[in-house]
Amino acid sequence: MTLAEAVVAGAGPAELASLEVPTRYRALYLRKDEVGMFGDMSDKDVRKSLHVGEVPMPELAPDEVLVAVMASAINFNTIWSAMFEPIPTFAFLERFGRTDPRHDLPTHVLGSDAAGVVVRTGQAVRHWRAGDRVVTSPAYLDGQDPIVQHDGMLAADLRAWGFETNFGGLAEFAVVKATQLLPKPRQLSWEEAACNMLCASTAYRMLVGERGARMKQGDVVLLWGASGGLGAYGVQLVRNGGGIPVGVVSSPEKAALLRRMGCEHVVDRSRFDDLTDEKGWRGLGAEIRRQVGEDPAIVFEHTGRDTFGASVYVAKKGGKVVTCGSSSGYDHAYDNRHLWMRLKQIIGSHGANYQECHEVNRLISLGMIHPTLSRVYPLAEAADAARAVQLNQHVGKVGVLTLAPGPDLGIEDPAHRDRIGEDRLRLFRS
């Protein structure tokens, strides 16, 4: 029996420890010799640059863990990587390779989410052992950096795992720092558990954490892409915290999904011709006030160029725009008068530290935050999964089965699952 087969069969710690680690494993990866392949193409179809095949197994560092990955998920950083934009991620690996040569390879294994089973631990790892069922958080950093004791996201060598490092989660095995691991929520299947941590923890830091917008009860919160990976977790956090979510979506179908989530106020952005000029901004602001009676205290931003001017405009006097990304472009334009003269704030937010990830995982384990998984692909079709996200043909999160032989496996606490309800847990798949 191979190590992968033993994991799938549910082998115990002793048996897992007795089996050899394979020298190669299957993964979704990029090739360094294909950087620049898209040239000036307008459609950089990620199916052309993403490959599924065998890659070499790395050695473990003392503070690292080898996880047999049962399921993973597609995040937008995988799309950026596969488009080689804004810079090829091999530049990250080359830089990292100056201090850790293992990562500077002709292949880049992607993926910043995973759920699986610990199969090996480095000699400095204390809190995890073979057989533990885990989910991963995405911050890969040096725990000996003093600033980590204050906020890990300020670490000098902070890297997004599976984006700025090699050996990510879209694979049969993954290498992670021990400080990335959290217990798998027992009521969830492998694919449900694998889809949460990057987006849910990012949204938590943006809205709830001490370094974000610090939402309070009664705050009106405008959320762009509210039925997507980030936005759907944001909606849940706003509702749980006593805020008033106003979700922005692009179709009536997505609006209906939000209302099933309990988001009463929904704006269909397709009704507005142009959100890059003040006429469009005024129309959006009027629609928000029509629905809730006031301007947003917080705007939840991650789309960037296409929406940022509108976000700054519609935030109320003294309000906050919190941003963690720019999926429509990094070169934002906005009218600064609406920022300084109305005393607004722009807050940059990136990922989440280990404590914030722990808090989010606890909420998920309690059933207070539910997965936003909408569709699942096998690893062999992971490039198609990424293409669906690239074209925004999805809602919520798109999952990828890696070692798990099928969906709906790995549930350890069916009674807790029943208390939460399948209608909540499978809402995005309905």
Protein backbone atom coordinates (compact mmCIF):
# COMPACT_ATOMS: atom_id res chain seq x y z
CA MET A 1 0.00 0.00 0.00
CA THR A 2 1.29 3.46 -0.86
CA LEU A 3 1.22 6.38 1.55
CA ALA A 4 -1.53 8.08 -0.47
CA GLU A 5 -3.64 4.89 -0.48
CA ALA A 6 -3.19 4.53 3.27
CA VAL A 7 -4.40 8.08 3.86
CA VAL A 8 -7.50 7.49 1.74
CA ALA A 9 -8.15 4.23 3.60
CA GLY A 10 -7.99 6.05 6.96
CA ALA A 11 -4.80 4.44 8.25
CA GLY A 12 -3.62 5.31 11.76
CA PRO A 13 -0.46 7.20 12.77
CA ALA A 14 1.75 4.10 13.11
CA GLU A 15 0.91 2.79 9.65
CA LEU A 16 1.35 6.23 8.07
CA ALA A 17 4.76 6.55 9.71
CA SER A 18 5.83 3.12 8.43
CA LEU A 19 5.17 3.85 4.75
CA GLU A 20 7.66 5.56 2.48
CA VAL A 21 7.10 9.09 1.28
CA PRO A 22 6.93 9.01 -2.54
CA THR A 23 9.67 10.69 -4.53
CA ARG A 24 7.13 12.26 -6.91
CA TYR A 25 3.48 13.29 -6.67
CA ARG A 26 0.71 14.72 -8.89
CA ALA A 27 0.03 18.43 -8.79
CA LEU A 28 -1.30 21.44 -10.67
CA TYR A 29 1.77 23.41 -11.72
CA LEU A 30 3.26 26.05 -13.99
CA ARG A 31 6.40 25.70 -16.09
CA LYS A 32 9.13 28.32 -15.95
CA ASP A 33 9.97 27.85 -19.62
CA GLU A 34 6.44 29.01 -20.53
CA VAL A 35 6.68 32.44 -18.91
CA GLY A 36 5.77 34.97 -21.60
CA MET A 37 3.72 32.47 -23.59
CA PHE A 38 0.69 34.79 -23.74
CA GLY A 39 2.50 37.83 -25.12
CA ASP A 40 -0.06 40.47 -26.09
CA MET A 41 -3.03 38.08 -26.15
CA SER A 42 -6.22 39.69 -24.84
CA ASP A 43 -7.50 36.37 -23.49
CA LYS A 44 -4.81 34.75 -21.37
CA ASP A 45 -6.59 31.40 -21.10
CA VAL A 46 -5.13 29.77 -17.98
CA ARG A 47 -5.91 26.29 -19.29
CA LYS A 48 -2.93 26.76 -21.62
CA SER A 49 -0.42 27.44 -18.85
CA LEU A 50 -1.71 25.12 -16.10
CA HIS A 51 -0.54 21.51 -16.15
CA VAL A 52 -1.41 18.44 -14.08
CA GLY A 53 1.38 15.92 -13.70
CA GLU A 54 4.14 14.60 -11.49
CA VAL A 55 6.61 16.85 -9.70
CA PRO A 56 9.50 15.99 -7.34
CA MET A 57 8.84 15.65 -3.60
CA PRO A 58 10.87 18.15 -1.52
CA GLU A 59 12.62 17.52 1.79
CA LEU A 60 10.99 18.91 4.94
CA ALA A 61 12.52 21.73 6.96
CA PRO A 62 12.47 21.26 10.77
CA ASP A 63 9.43 23.55 11.24
CA GLU A 64 7.43 22.12 8.34
CA VAL A 65 4.76 19.46 7.90
CA LEU A 66 3.94 17.22 4.95
CA VAL A 67 0.18 17.05 4.41
CA ALA A 68 -1.56 14.48 2.23
CA VAL A 69 -4.10 16.78 0.58
CA MET A 70 -7.61 15.43 0.23
CA ALA A 71 -9.08 18.59 -1.33
CA SER A 72 -8.11 22.12 -2.25
CA ALA A 73 -9.72 25.19 -3.82
CA ILE A 74 -9.16 27.78 -6.52
CA ASN A 75 -8.31 31.30 -5.39
CA PHE A 76 -7.71 34.30 -7.60
CA ASN A 77 -3.99 34.21 -6.87
CA THR A 78 -3.91 30.97 -8.89
CA ILE A 79 -5.37 32.92 -11.81
CA TRP A 80 -2.75 35.66 -11.46
CA SER A 81 -0.04 33.00 -11.32
CA ALA A 82 -1.31 31.22 -14.43
CA MET A 83 -1.52 34.49 -16.37
CA PHE A 84 2.04 35.38 -15.24
CA GLU A 85 0.66 38.71 -14.03
CA PRO A 86 1.42 41.24 -12.67
CA ILE A 87 4.81 39.47 -12.64
CA PRO A 88 5.59 35.78 -13.09
CA THR A 89 5.53 33.99 -9.74
CA PHE A 90 8.84 32.36 -10.66
CA ALA A 91 10.35 35.73 -9.68
CA PHE A 92 9.07 35.09 -6.14
CA LEU A 93 10.56 31.59 -6.19
CA GLU A 94 13.93 32.84 -7.43
CA ARG A 95 14.08 35.38 -4.61
CA PHE A 96 13.02 32.79 -2.04
CA GLY A 97 15.59 30.41 -3.48
CA ARG A 98 18.43 32.62 -2.24
CA THR A 99 17.59 31.54 1.31
CA ASP A 100 15.74 28.26 0.61
CA PRO A 101 16.90 26.67 -2.68
CA ARG A 102 14.16 24.01 -2.54
CA HIS A 103 11.61 26.49 -3.89
CA ASP A 104 13.53 27.71 -6.96
CA LEU A 105 12.47 25.02 -9.43
CA PRO A 106 11.41 24.90 -13.10
CA THR A 107 7.88 24.04 -11.87
CA HIS A 108 5.61 25.96 -9.49
CA VAL A 109 2.99 23.94 -7.60
CA LEU A 110 0.08 26.29 -6.87
CA GLY A 111 -2.74 26.51 -4.33
CA SER A 112 -3.31 28.47 -1.11
CA ASP A 113 -6.07 26.33 0.45
CA ALA A 114 -6.09 22.69 1.49
CA ALA A 115 -7.64 20.11 3.78
CA GLY A 116 -5.92 16.83 4.47
CA VAL A 117 -3.99 14.54 6.79
CA VAL A 118 -0.59 15.11 8.37
CA VAL A 119 1.79 12.35 7.25
CA ARG A 120 5.21 13.71 8.32
CA THR A 121 6.44 16.39 10.69
CA GLY A 122 9.80 18.15 10.91
CA GLN A 123 11.82 17.58 14.07
CA ALA A 124 10.95 21.04 15.47
CA VAL A 125 7.17 20.54 15.14
CA ARG A 126 5.48 20.12 18.54
CA HIS A 127 1.71 20.38 18.22
CA TRP A 128 0.94 18.12 15.25
CA ARG A 129 1.48 14.45 14.49
CA ALA A 130 0.83 11.94 11.73
CA GLY A 131 -2.87 11.22 11.30
CA ASP A 132 -4.13 14.65 12.35
CA ARG A 133 -6.85 16.04 10.10
CA VAL A 134 -6.10 19.65 9.28
CA VAL A 135 -6.88 22.68 7.18
CA THR A 136 -4.23 25.17 6.11
CA SER A 137 -4.00 28.92 6.50
CA PRO A 138 -2.10 30.80 3.78
CA ALA A 139 0.52 32.91 5.61
CA TYR A 140 4.01 31.40 5.27
CA LEU A 141 6.42 33.29 7.54
CA ASP A 142 9.38 33.06 9.89
CA GLY A 143 8.11 32.57 13.43
CA GLN A 144 11.41 33.89 14.84
CA ASP A 145 10.84 37.39 13.44
CA PRO A 146 9.99 39.56 16.50
CA ILE A 147 7.20 41.44 14.70
CA VAL A 148 5.29 38.16 14.38
CA GLN A 149 4.50 38.41 18.09
CA HIS A 150 2.61 41.63 17.27
CA ASP A 151 1.14 40.78 13.85
CA GLY A 152 2.41 38.08 11.54
CA MET A 153 1.28 40.01 8.49
CA LEU A 154 4.02 42.58 9.17
CA ALA A 155 6.80 39.96 8.98
CA ALA A 156 9.65 40.94 6.68
CA ASP A 157 9.54 37.61 4.84
CA LEU A 158 5.76 37.12 4.75
CA ARG A 159 4.76 35.01 1.76
CA ALA A 160 1.45 33.77 0.44
CA TRP A 161 1.76 29.99 0.46
CA GLY A 162 1.26 28.39 -2.95
CA PHE A 163 1.62 31.79 -4.63
CA GLU A 164 4.93 33.18 -3.39
CA THR A 165 6.15 29.73 -2.31
CA ASN A 166 6.29 26.38 -4.02
CA PHE A 167 4.61 23.10 -2.95
CA GLY A 168 1.07 24.52 -2.61
CA GLY A 169 -2.26 22.85 -1.97
CA LEU A 170 -3.49 21.98 -5.47
CA ALA A 171 -1.69 18.66 -5.29
CA GLU A 172 -1.71 15.23 -3.68
CA PHE A 173 0.84 16.42 -1.09
CA ALA A 174 1.76 19.86 0.23
CA VAL A 175 4.53 21.31 2.38
CA VAL A 176 3.40 23.84 5.00
CA LYS A 177 4.78 25.54 8.10
CA ALA A 178 3.44 24.06 11.33
CA THR A 179 2.07 27.54 12.09
CA GLN A 180 -0.24 27.27 9.08
CA LEU A 181 -2.20 24.31 10.44
CA LEU A 182 -5.59 24.33 12.13
CA PRO A 183 -7.92 21.46 13.07
CA LYS A 184 -10.33 20.47 10.31
CA PRO A 185 -13.95 21.32 11.23
CA ARG A 186 -15.41 17.94 12.02
CA GLN A 187 -18.85 18.52 10.47
CA LEU A 188 -17.47 19.33 7.02
CA SER A 189 -16.47 17.14 4.10
CA TRP A 190 -12.95 17.43 2.74
CA GLU A 191 -13.95 19.76 -0.07
CA GLU A 192 -16.09 21.94 2.20
CA ALA A 193 -13.26 22.28 4.70
CA ALA A 194 -10.73 23.08 1.97
CA CYS A 195 -12.56 26.06 0.51
CA ASN A 196 -12.72 28.44 3.47
CA MET A 197 -9.53 29.59 5.07
CA LEU A 198 -7.93 32.03 2.62
CA CYS A 199 -11.10 33.97 1.82
CA ALA A 200 -12.84 33.68 5.19
CA SER A 201 -9.78 34.77 7.17
CA THR A 202 -9.07 37.63 4.76
CA ALA A 203 -12.65 38.88 5.17
CA TYR A 204 -12.41 38.51 8.95
CA ARG A 205 -9.30 40.68 9.17
CA MET A 206 -10.86 43.28 6.86
CA LEU A 207 -14.12 43.60 8.78
CA VAL A 208 -13.72 42.30 12.32
CA GLY A 209 -10.04 42.11 13.23
CA GLU A 210 -8.26 44.80 15.22
CA ARG A 211 -6.34 45.98 12.14
CA GLY A 212 -9.28 46.26 9.76
CA ALA A 213 -12.43 48.35 9.60
CA ARG A 214 -13.60 47.31 13.09
CA MET A 215 -17.23 46.90 12.13
CA LYS A 216 -19.74 47.55 14.91
CA GLN A 217 -23.41 46.76 15.36
CA GLY A 218 -25.65 48.68 12.99
CA ASP A 219 -22.90 49.56 10.49
CA VAL A 220 -24.05 49.58 6.88
CA VAL A 221 -21.42 47.64 4.90
CA LEU A 222 -21.26 47.67 1.10
CA LEU A 223 -19.69 44.48 -0.23
CA TRP A 224 -18.53 44.21 -3.83
CA GLY A 225 -18.71 40.74 -5.37
CA ALA A 226 -20.94 39.66 -2.52
CA SER A 227 -21.71 36.22 -3.96
CA GLY A 228 -18.05 35.46 -4.69
CA GLY A 229 -15.36 33.82 -2.60
CA LEU A 230 -14.47 36.81 -0.44
CA GLY A 231 -17.77 38.64 -0.50
CA ALA A 232 -19.94 35.73 0.64
CA TYR A 233 -17.84 35.29 3.79
CA GLY A 234 -17.97 39.05 4.30
CA VAL A 235 -21.78 39.00 4.15
CA GLN A 236 -21.89 36.28 6.81
CA LEU A 237 -19.50 38.14 9.10
CA VAL A 238 -21.47 41.38 8.77
CA ARG A 239 -24.75 39.64 9.60
CA ASN A 240 -23.22 37.75 12.54
CA GLY A 241 -21.80 40.98 13.95
CA GLY A 242 -25.03 42.94 13.82
CA GLY A 243 -24.15 44.96 10.73
CA ILE A 244 -26.33 45.64 7.71
CA PRO A 245 -24.85 44.08 4.55
CA VAL A 246 -25.54 45.59 1.15
CA GLY A 247 -24.33 43.11 -1.43
CA VAL A 248 -23.31 44.10 -4.94
CA VAL A 249 -23.71 41.39 -7.59
CA SER A 250 -23.84 41.17 -11.38
CA SER A 251 -27.00 39.18 -12.08
CA PRO A 252 -30.50 38.47 -10.75
CA GLU A 253 -29.47 34.86 -10.05
CA LYS A 254 -26.66 35.99 -7.78
CA ALA A 255 -29.01 38.47 -6.12
CA ALA A 256 -31.43 35.62 -5.35
CA LEU A 257 -28.60 33.59 -3.82
CA LEU A 258 -27.67 36.50 -1.54
CA ARG A 259 -31.25 36.84 -0.36
CA ARG A 260 -31.31 33.12 0.49
CA MET A 261 -28.22 33.84 2.62
CA GLY A 262 -30.23 36.43 4.52
CA CYS A 263 -28.75 39.51 2.81
CA GLU A 264 -31.85 41.68 2.51
CA HIS A 265 -30.27 44.57 0.59
CA VAL A 266 -28.82 43.75 -2.83
CA VAL A 267 -27.60 45.99 -5.66
CA ASP A 268 -27.36 44.59 -9.20
CA ARG A 269 -24.39 46.45 -10.66
CA SER A 270 -25.50 45.64 -14.22
CA ARG A 271 -28.16 48.33 -13.79
CA PHE A 272 -25.46 51.01 -13.75
CA ASP A 273 -23.89 51.88 -17.11
CA ASP A 274 -20.56 53.18 -15.84
CA LEU A 275 -19.16 53.04 -12.31
CA THR A 276 -15.91 54.76 -13.28
CA ASP A 277 -17.34 58.31 -13.35
CA GLU A 278 -19.24 60.47 -10.90
CA LYS A 279 -22.60 60.02 -12.61
CA GLY A 280 -22.41 56.28 -11.96
CA TRP A 281 -21.18 56.86 -8.41
CA ARG A 282 -24.12 59.13 -7.67
CA GLY A 283 -26.57 56.54 -9.00
CA LEU A 284 -25.03 53.82 -6.85
CA GLY A 285 -25.09 56.03 -3.76
CA ALA A 286 -28.75 56.91 -4.37
CA GLU A 287 -29.68 53.22 -4.69
CA ILE A 288 -27.92 52.36 -1.42
CA ARG A 289 -29.69 55.19 0.40
CA ARG A 290 -33.01 54.13 -1.13
CA GLN A 291 -32.59 50.65 0.29
CA VAL A 292 -31.11 51.35 3.74
CA GLY A 293 -31.60 55.08 4.29
CA GLU A 294 -27.94 56.04 4.70
CA ASP A 295 -24.46 55.80 3.17
CA PRO A 296 -22.16 52.86 4.01
CA ALA A 297 -19.95 53.14 7.07
CA ILE A 298 -17.64 50.54 5.49
CA VAL A 299 -16.97 49.56 1.88
CA PHE A 300 -15.49 46.07 1.42
CA GLU A 301 -13.15 46.37 -1.59
CA HIS A 302 -11.23 43.77 -3.56
CA THR A 303 -12.17 44.43 -7.19
CA GLY A 304 -9.95 47.50 -7.63
CA ARG A 305 -9.82 49.66 -10.72
CA ASP A 306 -13.41 49.18 -11.88
CA THR A 307 -14.98 50.03 -8.52
CA PHE A 308 -12.54 51.93 -6.33
CA GLY A 309 -13.64 55.43 -7.32
CA ALA A 310 -17.23 54.49 -6.55
CA SER A 311 -16.18 52.99 -3.20
CA VAL A 312 -14.46 56.17 -2.07
CA TYR A 313 -17.43 58.25 -3.19
CA VAL A 314 -20.25 56.25 -1.58
CA ALA A 315 -18.63 55.76 1.85
CA LYS A 316 -20.25 58.06 4.38
CA LYS A 317 -18.48 61.04 5.94
CA GLY A 318 -15.85 59.58 8.25
CA GLY A 319 -16.39 56.16 6.65
CA LYS A 320 -13.84 53.52 5.70
CA VAL A 321 -12.86 51.72 2.51
CA VAL A 322 -10.98 48.51 3.36
CA THR A 323 -9.20 46.84 0.44
CA CYS A 324 -7.34 43.56 0.06
CA GLY A 325 -6.90 43.28 -3.69
CA SER A 326 -7.49 44.50 -7.22
CA SER A 327 -8.88 41.73 -9.40
CA SER A 328 -9.94 44.22 -12.12
CA GLY A 329 -6.64 46.15 -12.10
CA TYR A 330 -4.17 47.74 -9.70
CA ASP A 331 -4.11 51.29 -11.07
CA HIS A 332 -6.98 52.84 -9.12
CA ALA A 333 -8.42 56.26 -9.87
CA TYR A 334 -10.65 58.21 -7.49
CA ASP A 335 -11.53 61.82 -6.70
CA ASN A 336 -9.39 62.65 -3.69
CA ARG A 337 -11.70 65.51 -2.68
CA HIS A 338 -14.26 62.95 -1.59
CA LEU A 339 -11.61 61.34 0.64
CA TRP A 340 -9.94 64.25 2.38
CA MET A 341 -12.83 66.73 2.56
CA ARG A 342 -15.18 64.12 4.00
CA LEU A 343 -12.60 62.63 6.37
CA LYS A 344 -12.74 59.10 4.99
CA GLN A 345 -10.10 56.39 5.43
CA ILE A 346 -8.57 53.81 3.10
CA ILE A 347 -7.32 50.74 4.96
CA GLY A 348 -4.99 48.25 3.30
CA SER A 349 -5.52 44.66 4.43
CA HIS A 350 -3.61 41.55 3.41
CA GLY A 351 -4.43 37.99 4.39
CA ALA A 352 -4.76 37.20 8.08
CA ASN A 353 -2.43 36.38 10.94
CA TYR A 354 -2.45 33.05 12.74
CA GLN A 355 -4.74 34.20 15.56
CA GLU A 356 -7.25 35.66 13.09
CA CYS A 357 -7.21 32.37 11.19
CA HIS A 358 -7.80 30.51 14.46
CA GLU A 359 -10.80 32.75 15.24
CA VAL A 360 -12.31 32.15 11.79
CA ASN A 361 -11.75 28.40 11.98
CA ARG A 362 -13.53 28.38 15.34
CA LEU A 363 -16.54 30.18 13.82
CA ILE A 364 -16.62 27.64 10.99
CA SER A 365 -16.34 24.73 13.44
CA LEU A 366 -19.22 26.16 15.49
CA GLY A 367 -21.35 26.41 12.34
CA MET A 368 -21.60 30.22 12.55
CA ILE A 369 -19.84 30.61 9.20
CA HIS A 370 -20.72 28.13 6.48
CA PRO A 371 -18.80 27.10 3.36
CA THR A 372 -19.48 28.86 0.08
CA LEU A 373 -18.53 25.90 -2.07
CA SER A 374 -20.49 25.86 -5.31
CA ARG A 375 -18.78 23.28 -7.53
CA VAL A 376 -16.10 20.60 -7.26
CA TYR A 377 -13.66 19.36 -9.91
CA PRO A 378 -11.19 16.47 -9.84
CA LEU A 379 -7.49 17.34 -9.87
CA ALA A 380 -7.26 16.23 -13.50
CA GLU A 381 -9.68 19.05 -14.40
CA ALA A 382 -8.19 21.71 -12.11
CA ALA A 383 -7.26 23.91 -15.08
CA ASP A 384 -10.93 23.97 -16.11
CA ALA A 385 -11.84 24.96 -12.55
CA ALA A 386 -9.37 27.83 -12.71
CA ARG A 387 -10.76 28.94 -16.06
CA ALA A 388 -14.28 29.11 -14.61
CA VAL A 389 -12.98 31.44 -11.89
CA GLN A 390 -11.01 33.47 -14.43
CA LEU A 391 -14.21 34.11 -16.41
CA ASN A 392 -16.32 34.73 -13.28
CA GLN A 393 -18.56 31.81 -14.20
CA HIS A 394 -18.89 30.78 -10.58
CA VAL A 395 -20.37 31.81 -7.28
CA GLY A 396 -18.65 31.34 -3.93
CA LYS A 397 -15.69 28.99 -4.05
CA VAL A 398 -14.68 26.32 -6.54
CA GLY A 399 -13.19 23.18 -4.99
CA VAL A 400 -10.75 20.59 -6.30
CA LEU A 401 -10.60 16.96 -5.12
CA THR A 402 -6.98 15.81 -4.92
CA LEU A 403 -6.59 12.52 -3.03
CA ALA A 404 -10.24 12.24 -1.99
CA PRO A 405 -11.84 9.70 -4.34
CA GLY A 406 -15.18 11.53 -4.37
CA PRO A 407 -17.23 14.31 -2.76
CA ASP A 408 -18.97 14.24 0.64
CA LEU A 409 -16.22 12.23 2.38
CA GLY A 410 -14.38 13.07 5.58
CA ILE A 411 -17.38 14.09 7.71
CA GLU A 412 -16.56 13.17 11.32
CA ASP A 413 -19.49 14.69 13.25
CA PRO A 414 -22.75 14.09 11.38
CA ALA A 415 -24.84 15.05 14.43
CA HIS A 416 -23.32 18.54 14.49
CA ARG A 417 -23.85 18.73 10.74
CA ASP A 418 -27.51 17.89 11.19
CA ARG A 419 -27.87 20.66 13.79
CA ILE A 420 -26.41 23.20 11.37
CA GLY A 421 -28.51 21.91 8.47
CA GLU A 422 -27.70 20.80 4.96
CA ASP A 423 -29.60 23.78 3.58
CA ARG A 424 -26.96 26.12 5.06
CA LEU A 425 -23.95 23.96 4.37
CA ARG A 426 -24.90 23.28 0.75
CA LEU A 427 -26.55 26.62 -0.02
CA PHE A 428 -24.13 27.58 -2.78
CA ARG A 429 -24.49 24.18 -4.44
CA SER A 430 -28.26 24.47 -4.64
